[in-house]
C-alpha atoms as a PDB file:
ATOM      1  CA  MET A   1       0.000   0.000   0.000  1.00  0.00           C
ATOM      2  CA  ALA A   2       1.379   3.415  -0.974  1.00  0.00           C
ATOM      3  CA  GLY A   3       1.940   5.903   1.806  1.00  0.00           C
ATOM      4  CA  TYR A   4       1.204   9.605   2.222  1.00  0.00           C
ATOM      5  CA  SER A   5       3.431  12.560   3.015  1.00  0.00           C
ATOM      6  CA  TRP A   6       0.633  14.466   4.714  1.00  0.00           C
ATOM      7  CA  ILE A   7      -1.892  13.991   7.507  1.00  0.00           C
ATOM      8  CA  SER A   8      -4.699  16.491   8.012  1.00  0.00           C
ATOM      9  CA  PHE A   9      -6.155  16.910  11.473  1.00  0.00           C
ATOM     10  CA  THR A  10      -9.623  18.231  12.400  1.00  0.00           C
ATOM     11  CA  THR A  11     -11.076  18.198  15.929  1.00  0.00           C
ATOM     12  CA  ASP A  12     -13.200  19.952  18.519  1.00  0.00           C
ATOM     13  CA  TYR A  13     -10.333  19.795  21.053  1.00  0.00           C
ATOM     14  CA  GLY A  14      -9.558  23.509  21.065  1.00  0.00           C
ATOM     15  CA  THR A  15      -6.070  24.826  21.702  1.00  0.00           C
ATOM     16  CA  PHE A  16      -6.194  25.720  25.401  1.00  0.00           C
ATOM     17  CA  ASP A  17      -5.278  22.204  26.540  1.00  0.00           C
ATOM     18  CA  GLY A  18      -2.680  19.665  25.481  1.00  0.00           C
ATOM     19  CA  PHE A  19      -4.996  17.379  23.525  1.00  0.00           C
ATOM     20  CA  VAL A  20      -3.863  18.473  20.063  1.00  0.00           C
ATOM     21  CA  ALA A  21      -0.189  18.350  21.031  1.00  0.00           C
ATOM     22  CA  ALA A  22      -0.608  14.830  22.419  1.00  0.00           C
ATOM     23  CA  CYS A  23      -2.085  13.681  19.110  1.00  0.00           C
ATOM     24  CA  HIS A  24       0.734  15.363  17.191  1.00  0.00           C
ATOM     25  CA  GLY A  25       3.103  13.499  19.466  1.00  0.00           C
ATOM     26  CA  SER A  26       1.432  10.169  18.756  1.00  0.00           C
ATOM     27  CA  ILE A  27       1.898  10.795  15.044  1.00  0.00           C
ATOM     28  CA  ALA A  28       5.494  11.992  15.381  1.00  0.00           C
ATOM     29  CA  ARG A  29       6.559   8.966  17.429  1.00  0.00           C
ATOM     30  CA  ILE A  30       5.496   6.656  14.594  1.00  0.00           C
ATOM     31  CA  ALA A  31       6.001   8.775  11.461  1.00  0.00           C
ATOM     32  CA  PRO A  32       8.247  11.750  12.285  1.00  0.00           C
ATOM     33  CA  GLN A  33       8.792  12.581   8.628  1.00  0.00           C
ATOM     34  CA  VAL A  34       5.083  12.955   7.841  1.00  0.00           C
ATOM     35  CA  ARG A  35       3.806  16.533   7.907  1.00  0.00           C
ATOM     36  CA  VAL A  36       0.543  17.493   9.621  1.00  0.00           C
ATOM     37  CA  ILE A  37      -1.896  20.144   8.410  1.00  0.00           C
ATOM     38  CA  ASP A  38      -4.177  21.369  11.194  1.00  0.00           C
ATOM     39  CA  VAL A  39      -7.507  22.101   9.524  1.00  0.00           C
ATOM     40  CA  THR A  40      -9.158  23.364  12.698  1.00  0.00           C
ATOM     41  CA  HIS A  41      -9.438  22.409  16.339  1.00  0.00           C
ATOM     42  CA  HIS A  42     -12.250  24.853  17.043  1.00  0.00           C
ATOM     43  CA  VAL A  43     -15.253  22.869  15.851  1.00  0.00           C
ATOM     44  CA  PRO A  44     -17.894  23.575  18.527  1.00  0.00           C
ATOM     45  CA  PRO A  45     -17.737  20.761  21.099  1.00  0.00           C
ATOM     46  CA  ALA A  46     -19.558  17.625  19.905  1.00  0.00           C
ATOM     47  CA  ASP A  47     -20.895  19.409  16.778  1.00  0.00           C
ATOM     48  CA  VAL A  48     -20.447  16.529  14.353  1.00  0.00           C
ATOM     49  CA  ALA A  49     -22.272  18.268  11.496  1.00  0.00           C
ATOM     50  CA  ARG A  50     -20.044  21.352  11.712  1.00  0.00           C
ATOM     51  CA  GLY A  51     -16.929  19.188  11.730  1.00  0.00           C
ATOM     52  CA  ALA A  52     -18.224  17.210   8.767  1.00  0.00           C
ATOM     53  CA  ALA A  53     -18.918  20.375   6.782  1.00  0.00           C
ATOM     54  CA  VAL A  54     -15.529  21.944   7.497  1.00  0.00           C
ATOM     55  CA  LEU A  55     -13.671  18.766   6.589  1.00  0.00           C
ATOM     56  CA  ALA A  56     -15.669  18.210   3.396  1.00  0.00           C
ATOM     57  CA  GLN A  57     -15.072  21.773   2.208  1.00  0.00           C
ATOM     58  CA  THR A  58     -11.347  21.692   3.011  1.00  0.00           C
ATOM     59  CA  ALA A  59     -10.093  18.206   2.164  1.00  0.00           C
ATOM     60  CA  PRO A  60     -10.361  18.533  -1.653  1.00  0.00           C
ATOM     61  CA  HIS A  61      -7.959  21.487  -1.526  1.00  0.00           C
ATOM     62  CA  LEU A  62      -5.267  19.615   0.415  1.00  0.00           C
ATOM     63  CA  PRO A  63      -2.563  17.338  -1.003  1.00  0.00           C
ATOM     64  CA  PRO A  64      -3.382  13.626  -1.002  1.00  0.00           C
ATOM     65  CA  SER A  65      -3.500  12.846   2.700  1.00  0.00           C
ATOM     66  CA  VAL A  66      -4.646  10.693   5.528  1.00  0.00           C
ATOM     67  CA  HIS A  67      -7.409  12.855   6.986  1.00  0.00           C
ATOM     68  CA  VAL A  68      -7.921  12.381  10.721  1.00  0.00           C
ATOM     69  CA  ALA A  69     -11.083  13.892  12.200  1.00  0.00           C
ATOM     70  CA  VAL A  70     -12.188  13.599  15.806  1.00  0.00           C
ATOM     71  CA  VAL A  71     -15.497  15.096  16.893  1.00  0.00           C
ATOM     72  CA  ASP A  72     -16.570  12.202  18.981  1.00  0.00           C
ATOM     73  CA  PRO A  73     -19.270  12.556  21.631  1.00  0.00           C
ATOM     74  CA  GLY A  74     -19.631   8.757  21.599  1.00  0.00           C
ATOM     75  CA  VAL A  75     -15.996   8.051  22.503  1.00  0.00           C
ATOM     76  CA  GLY A  76     -15.668   4.930  24.632  1.00  0.00           C
ATOM     77  CA  THR A  77     -19.058   3.533  23.594  1.00  0.00           C
ATOM     78  CA  SER A  78     -19.808   0.828  21.061  1.00  0.00           C
ATOM     79  CA  ARG A  79     -19.455   3.250  18.152  1.00  0.00           C
ATOM     80  CA  ARG A  80     -16.838   2.040  15.679  1.00  0.00           C
ATOM     81  CA  GLY A  81     -13.601   3.638  14.624  1.00  0.00           C
ATOM     82  CA  VAL A  82     -13.216   3.439  10.854  1.00  0.00           C
ATOM     83  CA  VAL A  83     -10.876   3.990   7.931  1.00  0.00           C
ATOM     84  CA  LEU A  84     -12.506   5.034   4.661  1.00  0.00           C
ATOM     85  CA  THR A  85     -10.656   4.668   1.388  1.00  0.00           C
ATOM     86  CA  THR A  86     -11.402   7.207  -1.353  1.00  0.00           C
ATOM     87  CA  PRO A  87      -9.710   8.194  -4.633  1.00  0.00           C
ATOM     88  CA  GLY A  88      -8.433  11.347  -2.910  1.00  0.00           C
ATOM     89  CA  GLY A  89      -7.038   9.868   0.289  1.00  0.00           C
ATOM     90  CA  LEU A  90      -7.905   8.020   3.474  1.00  0.00           C
ATOM     91  CA  LEU A  91     -10.227   9.192   6.241  1.00  0.00           C
ATOM     92  CA  VAL A  92      -9.775   8.073   9.842  1.00  0.00           C
ATOM     93  CA  GLY A  93     -12.156   8.739  12.712  1.00  0.00           C
ATOM     94  CA  PRO A  94     -15.337   7.721  14.493  1.00  0.00           C
ATOM     95  CA  ASP A  95     -18.264   6.160  12.668  1.00  0.00           C
ATOM     96  CA  ASN A  96     -20.744   8.897  13.552  1.00  0.00           C
ATOM     97  CA  GLY A  97     -21.236  10.633  10.199  1.00  0.00           C
ATOM     98  CA  LEU A  98     -18.222  12.912  10.574  1.00  0.00           C
ATOM     99  CA  LEU A  99     -16.297  11.456   7.634  1.00  0.00           C
ATOM    100  CA  ILE A 100     -19.003  10.781   5.048  1.00  0.00           C
ATOM    101  CA  TRP A 101     -19.335  14.210   3.417  1.00  0.00           C
ATOM    102  CA  ALA A 102     -15.570  14.480   3.052  1.00  0.00           C
ATOM    103  CA  ALA A 103     -15.421  10.985   1.564  1.00  0.00           C
ATOM    104  CA  GLU A 104     -17.981  12.036  -1.034  1.00  0.00           C
ATOM    105  CA  ALA A 105     -16.027  15.224  -1.757  1.00  0.00           C
ATOM    106  CA  LEU A 106     -12.892  13.121  -2.304  1.00  0.00           C
ATOM    107  CA  GLY A 107     -14.546  10.906  -4.905  1.00  0.00           C
ATOM    108  CA  GLY A 108     -16.666   8.492  -2.901  1.00  0.00           C
ATOM    109  CA  ILE A 109     -16.055   5.550  -0.597  1.00  0.00           C
ATOM    110  CA  GLN A 110     -14.155   2.729  -2.298  1.00  0.00           C
ATOM    111  CA  ALA A 111     -13.743   0.621   0.849  1.00  0.00           C
ATOM    112  CA  ALA A 112     -14.366   0.861   4.590  1.00  0.00           C
ATOM    113  CA  HIS A 113     -12.582  -0.901   7.432  1.00  0.00           C
ATOM    114  CA  GLU A 114     -13.169  -1.006  11.158  1.00  0.00           C
ATOM    115  CA  ILE A 115     -10.313  -0.051  13.464  1.00  0.00           C
ATOM    116  CA  ARG A 116      -9.921  -2.639  16.179  1.00  0.00           C
ATOM    117  CA  THR A 117      -8.645  -1.496  19.582  1.00  0.00           C
ATOM    118  CA  ASP A 118      -7.438  -3.372  22.641  1.00  0.00           C
ATOM    119  CA  GLY A 119      -8.070  -2.636  26.285  1.00  0.00           C
ATOM    120  CA  THR A 120      -4.916  -0.566  26.765  1.00  0.00           C
ATOM    121  CA  VAL A 121      -6.261   2.631  25.185  1.00  0.00           C
ATOM    122  CA  SER A 122      -7.927   5.446  27.095  1.00  0.00           C
ATOM    123  CA  SER A 123     -11.709   5.202  27.037  1.00  0.00           C
ATOM    124  CA  THR A 124     -11.990   8.979  26.564  1.00  0.00           C
ATOM    125  CA  PHE A 125      -9.064   9.903  24.283  1.00  0.00           C
ATOM    126  CA  HIS A 126      -9.230   7.837  21.125  1.00  0.00           C
ATOM    127  CA  GLY A 127      -7.782  10.738  19.168  1.00  0.00           C
ATOM    128  CA  ARG A 128      -4.411  10.189  20.855  1.00  0.00           C
ATOM    129  CA  ASP A 129      -4.531   6.431  21.378  1.00  0.00           C
ATOM    130  CA  VAL A 130      -6.425   5.127  18.337  1.00  0.00           C
ATOM    131  CA  PHE A 131      -6.950   7.548  15.456  1.00  0.00           C
ATOM    132  CA  ALA A 132      -3.637   9.445  15.408  1.00  0.00           C
ATOM    133  CA  PRO A 133      -1.510   6.275  15.597  1.00  0.00           C
ATOM    134  CA  ALA A 134      -3.637   4.594  12.938  1.00  0.00           C
ATOM    135  CA  ALA A 135      -3.210   7.585  10.652  1.00  0.00           C
ATOM    136  CA  ALA A 136       0.543   7.601  11.181  1.00  0.00           C
ATOM    137  CA  ARG A 137       0.851   3.935  10.283  1.00  0.00           C
ATOM    138  CA  LEU A 138      -1.304   4.399   7.204  1.00  0.00           C
ATOM    139  CA  ALA A 139       0.784   7.380   6.128  1.00  0.00           C
ATOM    140  CA  LEU A 140       3.842   5.120   6.261  1.00  0.00           C
ATOM    141  CA  GLY A 141       2.094   2.735   3.886  1.00  0.00           C
ATOM    142  CA  ASP A 142       1.091   0.043   6.356  1.00  0.00           C
ATOM    143  CA  LYS A 143      -1.807  -2.201   5.425  1.00  0.00           C
ATOM    144  CA  ILE A 144      -5.192  -1.220   6.836  1.00  0.00           C
ATOM    145  CA  GLU A 145      -5.757  -3.435   9.862  1.00  0.00           C
ATOM    146  CA  GLY A 146      -9.234  -4.520  10.830  1.00  0.00           C
ATOM    147  CA  PRO A 147     -12.151  -6.153   9.047  1.00  0.00           C
ATOM    148  CA  GLU A 148     -13.680  -4.677   5.936  1.00  0.00           C
ATOM    149  CA  ILE A 149     -17.214  -3.414   6.502  1.00  0.00           C
ATOM    150  CA  ASN A 150     -20.095  -2.610   4.189  1.00  0.00           C
ATOM    151  CA  PRO A 151     -20.092   1.132   3.439  1.00  0.00           C
ATOM    152  CA  ASP A 152     -23.894   1.041   3.607  1.00  0.00           C
ATOM    153  CA  SER A 153     -23.596   0.241   7.314  1.00  0.00           C
ATOM    154  CA  LEU A 154     -21.762   3.491   8.098  1.00  0.00           C
ATOM    155  CA  VAL A 155     -23.580   6.103  10.165  1.00  0.00           C
ATOM    156  CA  ARG A 156     -24.716   9.035   8.041  1.00  0.00           C
ATOM    157  CA  LEU A 157     -25.899  12.464   9.066  1.00  0.00           C
ATOM    158  CA  PRO A 158     -29.364  13.501   7.875  1.00  0.00           C
ATOM    159  CA  ASP A 159     -29.324  15.267   4.518  1.00  0.00           C
ATOM    160  CA  PRO A 160     -29.663  19.033   5.048  1.00  0.00           C
ATOM    161  CA  VAL A 161     -32.999  20.513   3.993  1.00  0.00           C
ATOM    162  CA  VAL A 162     -32.939  22.161   0.556  1.00  0.00           C
ATOM    163  CA  THR A 163     -36.106  23.059  -1.375  1.00  0.00           C
ATOM    164  CA  LEU A 164     -36.282  24.916  -4.678  1.00  0.00           C
ATOM    165  CA  GLY A 165     -39.508  26.669  -5.684  1.00  0.00           C
ATOM    166  CA  ASP A 166     -40.699  29.137  -8.310  1.00  0.00           C
ATOM    167  CA  GLY A 167     -38.613  32.212  -7.518  1.00  0.00           C
ATOM    168  CA  TRP A 168     -37.506  31.037  -4.069  1.00  0.00           C
ATOM    169  CA  ILE A 169     -35.278  28.615  -2.232  1.00  0.00           C
ATOM    170  CA  GLU A 170     -35.429  27.271   1.296  1.00  0.00           C
ATOM    171  CA  ALA A 171     -32.314  25.782   2.789  1.00  0.00           C
ATOM    172  CA  GLU A 172     -30.888  24.744   6.113  1.00  0.00           C
ATOM    173  CA  VAL A 173     -28.114  26.783   7.685  1.00  0.00           C
ATOM    174  CA  LEU A 174     -25.074  24.559   7.312  1.00  0.00           C
ATOM    175  CA  THR A 175     -22.368  26.602   9.032  1.00  0.00           C
ATOM    176  CA  VAL A 176     -21.593  30.048  10.405  1.00  0.00           C
ATOM    177  CA  ASP A 177     -17.979  31.174  10.066  1.00  0.00           C
ATOM    178  CA  ARG A 178     -16.005  33.420  12.413  1.00  0.00           C
ATOM    179  CA  PHE A 179     -16.974  36.479  10.344  1.00  0.00           C
ATOM    180  CA  GLY A 180     -20.654  35.793  10.970  1.00  0.00           C
ATOM    181  CA  ASN A 181     -21.338  34.749   7.380  1.00  0.00           C
ATOM    182  CA  VAL A 182     -24.217  32.283   7.117  1.00  0.00           C
ATOM    183  CA  GLN A 183     -23.639  29.357   4.763  1.00  0.00           C
ATOM    184  CA  LEU A 184     -26.673  27.451   3.518  1.00  0.00           C
ATOM    185  CA  ALA A 185     -26.851  23.854   2.316  1.00  0.00           C
ATOM    186  CA  ALA A 186     -28.103  24.994  -1.110  1.00  0.00           C
ATOM    187  CA  GLY A 187     -25.696  25.034  -4.022  1.00  0.00           C
ATOM    188  CA  GLY A 188     -24.829  28.409  -5.495  1.00  0.00           C
ATOM    189  CA  ASP A 189     -26.409  27.507  -8.838  1.00  0.00           C
ATOM    190  CA  MET A 190     -29.820  27.700  -7.156  1.00  0.00           C
ATOM    191  CA  LEU A 191     -29.531  31.489  -7.093  1.00  0.00           C
ATOM    192  CA  SER A 192     -29.753  31.761 -10.875  1.00  0.00           C
ATOM    193  CA  GLY A 193     -33.506  32.258 -11.076  1.00  0.00           C
ATOM    194  CA  LEU A 194     -33.975  34.637  -8.167  1.00  0.00           C
ATOM    195  CA  GLY A 195     -32.943  37.963  -9.646  1.00  0.00           C
ATOM    196  CA  THR A 196     -30.879  40.638  -7.923  1.00  0.00           C
ATOM    197  CA  GLU A 197     -33.209  42.139  -5.339  1.00  0.00           C
ATOM    198  CA  LEU A 198     -34.102  39.590  -2.690  1.00  0.00           C
ATOM    199  CA  MET A 199     -35.988  39.059   0.557  1.00  0.00           C
ATOM    200  CA  ILE A 200     -34.771  36.794   3.324  1.00  0.00           C
ATOM    201  CA  ASN A 201     -37.408  35.120   5.479  1.00  0.00           C
ATOM    202  CA  ALA A 202     -39.940  37.592   4.021  1.00  0.00           C
ATOM    203  CA  SER A 203     -38.654  40.312   6.325  1.00  0.00           C
ATOM    204  CA  VAL A 204     -35.111  41.415   5.454  1.00  0.00           C
ATOM    205  CA  SER A 205     -33.989  42.969   2.171  1.00  0.00           C
ATOM    206  CA  ALA A 206     -30.818  41.752   0.504  1.00  0.00           C
ATOM    207  CA  ARG A 207     -29.012  41.989  -2.810  1.00  0.00           C
ATOM    208  CA  ARG A 208     -27.443  39.248  -4.829  1.00  0.00           C
ATOM    209  CA  GLY A 209     -23.802  39.837  -5.688  1.00  0.00           C
ATOM    210  CA  SER A 210     -20.395  38.256  -5.883  1.00  0.00           C
ATOM    211  CA  THR A 211     -18.229  40.330  -3.530  1.00  0.00           C
ATOM    212  CA  PHE A 212     -18.851  42.057  -0.208  1.00  0.00           C
ATOM    213  CA  ALA A 213     -18.366  45.480  -1.841  1.00  0.00           C
ATOM    214  CA  ASP A 214     -21.371  44.858  -4.099  1.00  0.00           C
ATOM    215  CA  VAL A 215     -23.558  46.186  -1.275  1.00  0.00           C
ATOM    216  CA  GLY A 216     -23.255  49.193   0.989  1.00  0.00           C
ATOM    217  CA  LYS A 217     -21.791  49.074   4.452  1.00  0.00           C
ATOM    218  CA  GLY A 218     -24.226  47.294   6.757  1.00  0.00           C
ATOM    219  CA  ASP A 219     -26.283  45.838   3.904  1.00  0.00           C
ATOM    220  CA  LEU A 220     -27.017  42.160   3.304  1.00  0.00           C
ATOM    221  CA  LEU A 221     -25.398  40.270   0.450  1.00  0.00           C
ATOM    222  CA  VAL A 222     -26.467  36.884  -0.929  1.00  0.00           C
ATOM    223  CA  PHE A 223     -23.690  35.193  -2.895  1.00  0.00           C
ATOM    224  CA  GLU A 224     -22.071  31.913  -3.878  1.00  0.00           C
ATOM    225  CA  ASP A 225     -19.219  31.299  -1.465  1.00  0.00           C
ATOM    226  CA  SER A 226     -15.830  29.715  -2.107  1.00  0.00           C
ATOM    227  CA  ALA A 227     -17.227  26.259  -1.311  1.00  0.00           C
ATOM    228  CA  GLY A 228     -19.985  26.597  -3.902  1.00  0.00           C
ATOM    229  CA  HIS A 229     -22.801  27.157  -1.407  1.00  0.00           C
ATOM    230  CA  VAL A 230     -25.368  29.933  -1.094  1.00  0.00           C
ATOM    231  CA  ALA A 231     -24.190  32.255   1.655  1.00  0.00           C
ATOM    232  CA  ILE A 232     -25.397  35.435   3.311  1.00  0.00           C
ATOM    233  CA  ALA A 233     -23.093  38.173   4.558  1.00  0.00           C
ATOM    234  CA  VAL A 234     -23.243  41.741   5.806  1.00  0.00           C
ATOM    235  CA  ASN A 235     -20.700  44.195   4.458  1.00  0.00           C
ATOM    236  CA  ASN A 236     -18.698  45.169   7.562  1.00  0.00           C
ATOM    237  CA  GLY A 237     -21.127  43.285   9.791  1.00  0.00           C
ATOM    238  CA  ARG A 238     -22.350  39.874  10.911  1.00  0.00           C
ATOM    239  CA  ALA A 239     -25.206  38.259   9.018  1.00  0.00           C
ATOM    240  CA  VAL A 240     -25.788  35.725  11.795  1.00  0.00           C
ATOM    241  CA  VAL A 241     -26.718  38.581  14.137  1.00  0.00           C
ATOM    242  CA  VAL A 242     -28.973  40.324  11.628  1.00  0.00           C
ATOM    243  CA  LEU A 243     -30.828  37.112  10.781  1.00  0.00           C
ATOM    244  CA  SER A 244     -30.777  35.592  14.294  1.00  0.00           C
ATOM    245  CA  VAL A 245     -30.151  32.095  12.955  1.00  0.00           C
ATOM    246  CA  GLN A 246     -28.000  29.138  13.894  1.00  0.00           C
ATOM    247  CA  PRO A 247     -26.988  25.887  12.159  1.00  0.00           C
ATOM    248  CA  GLY A 248     -30.041  23.759  11.496  1.00  0.00           C
ATOM    249  CA  ASP A 249     -32.428  26.682  11.055  1.00  0.00           C
ATOM    250  CA  ILE A 250     -34.258  27.079   7.738  1.00  0.00           C
ATOM    251  CA  VAL A 251     -33.782  30.246   5.696  1.00  0.00           C
ATOM    252  CA  LYS A 252     -35.995  31.266   2.768  1.00  0.00           C
ATOM    253  CA  ILE A 253     -34.661  33.500   0.013  1.00  0.00           C
ATOM    254  CA  GLN A 254     -37.000  34.828  -2.665  1.00  0.00           C
ATOM    255  CA  GLY A 255     -36.937  37.436  -5.409  1.00  0.00           C
ATOM    256  CA  ARG A 256     -38.840  40.688  -4.997  1.00  0.00           C
END
């Protein structure tokens, strides 16, 4: 099995404690020559959907890698640890839906294997004791250990709500970034039939554009973001505050 020069690392561990460093150490002890790209460690705690979205939107832009992701509220339970093989790399993490969207973004799941653990690992820190070491060994080209499993048996997150109507779209809020921009699950191509002047949730005026400067300071912009999703921003402001939404809420955009 060919190896990888890169490991990407995505978690909800934060950077105030030593959790991330311990995982880096687990990798370095096994594969010191392999380089690690930290995608983010600030996924909101236990927010599997947010972690899945960030990983899926980032992984295709990275070099071929072993992608380790740990947002794992079920750590220590009967949930499986898995390795997913895709045309664009390997994915390592818990079987809780976290890896599926990224696997699809990397070309689809070609094979899936369960990671088997023994009783010597911590029941609450599989990132350090299970997933990071597994990723390091895979990066070195080691064979995937553990039984092959049916990809249809993998846990999947519910599909986000997206509805297209005559002159309107409704879509679930997928993520909110640190700038307060609201990303919807709808693809950017769904904006094509809505015109330029828009209403959001039948109460807030917005304009369709392509850059933040297409609207005045403090005004709402609807645009296709860098990940190909419909997004809502405020020029020099925070759309999440103006709209009072959070991930999982439904937003309706219609022409006016």
